[in-house]
Protein backbone atom coordinates (compact mmCIF):
# COMPACT_ATOMS: atom_id res chain seq x y z
CA UNK A 1 80.52 78.70 108.45
CA UNK A 2 79.94 79.53 111.93
CA UNK A 3 83.49 80.61 112.36
CA UNK A 4 83.32 83.02 109.30
CA UNK A 5 79.92 84.43 110.93
CA UNK A 6 81.93 85.00 114.37
CA UNK A 7 84.69 86.67 112.55
CA UNK A 8 82.08 89.14 110.84
CA UNK A 9 80.39 89.77 114.37
CA UNK A 10 83.86 90.62 115.84
CA UNK A 11 84.55 92.95 112.95
CA UNK A 12 81.35 94.63 113.22
CA UNK A 13 81.54 95.02 116.82
CA UNK A 14 85.12 96.17 116.80
CA UNK A 15 84.11 99.29 114.65
CA UNK A 16 80.66 100.11 116.44
CA UNK A 17 80.79 103.51 118.15
CA UNK A 18 84.56 104.04 117.65
CA UNK A 19 84.03 107.81 117.37
CA UNK A 20 85.14 110.20 114.79
CA UNK A 21 84.31 109.29 111.22
CA UNK A 22 87.89 109.59 109.73
CA UNK A 23 89.19 107.47 112.59
CA UNK A 24 86.69 104.79 111.92
CA UNK A 25 87.53 104.73 108.01
CA UNK A 26 91.23 104.79 109.01
CA UNK A 27 90.79 101.61 110.99
CA UNK A 28 88.67 99.97 108.48
CA UNK A 29 91.02 100.56 105.61
CA UNK A 30 93.99 99.41 107.92
CA UNK A 31 92.13 96.28 108.77
CA UNK A 32 91.53 95.17 105.19
CA UNK A 33 95.16 96.11 104.22
CA UNK A 34 96.31 93.86 107.13
CA UNK A 35 93.94 90.99 106.02
CA UNK A 36 95.29 91.27 102.19
CA UNK A 37 98.90 91.43 103.40
CA UNK A 38 98.10 88.25 105.64
CA UNK A 39 96.65 86.33 102.64
CA UNK A 40 99.75 87.36 100.34
CA UNK A 41 102.17 85.93 102.75
CA UNK A 42 100.06 82.86 103.20
CA UNK A 43 99.98 82.55 99.59
CA UNK A 44 103.79 82.96 99.41
CA UNK A 45 104.46 80.35 101.99
CA UNK A 46 102.17 77.68 100.42
CA UNK A 47 103.73 78.46 96.99
CA UNK A 48 107.19 77.74 98.44
CA UNK A 49 106.02 74.70 100.35
CA UNK A 50 104.42 73.42 97.02
CA UNK A 51 107.68 73.94 94.89
CA UNK A 52 109.83 72.17 97.29
CA UNK A 53 111.88 75.20 98.62
CA UNK A 54 114.52 74.17 100.96
CA UNK A 55 113.94 76.11 104.18
CA UNK A 56 117.74 75.91 105.44
């Protein structure tokens, strides 16, 4: 839980006083898009490991 709060604080601090409204929204959307892509890759990797895929 402590790590989750630390990530939340880093996320909030990263976007504080960033500047223009559109730039702030763009980077927030880009950050969430990156998180989603990371979790899709993580899911695919775990799925491949659980089904016995041969990484040759």
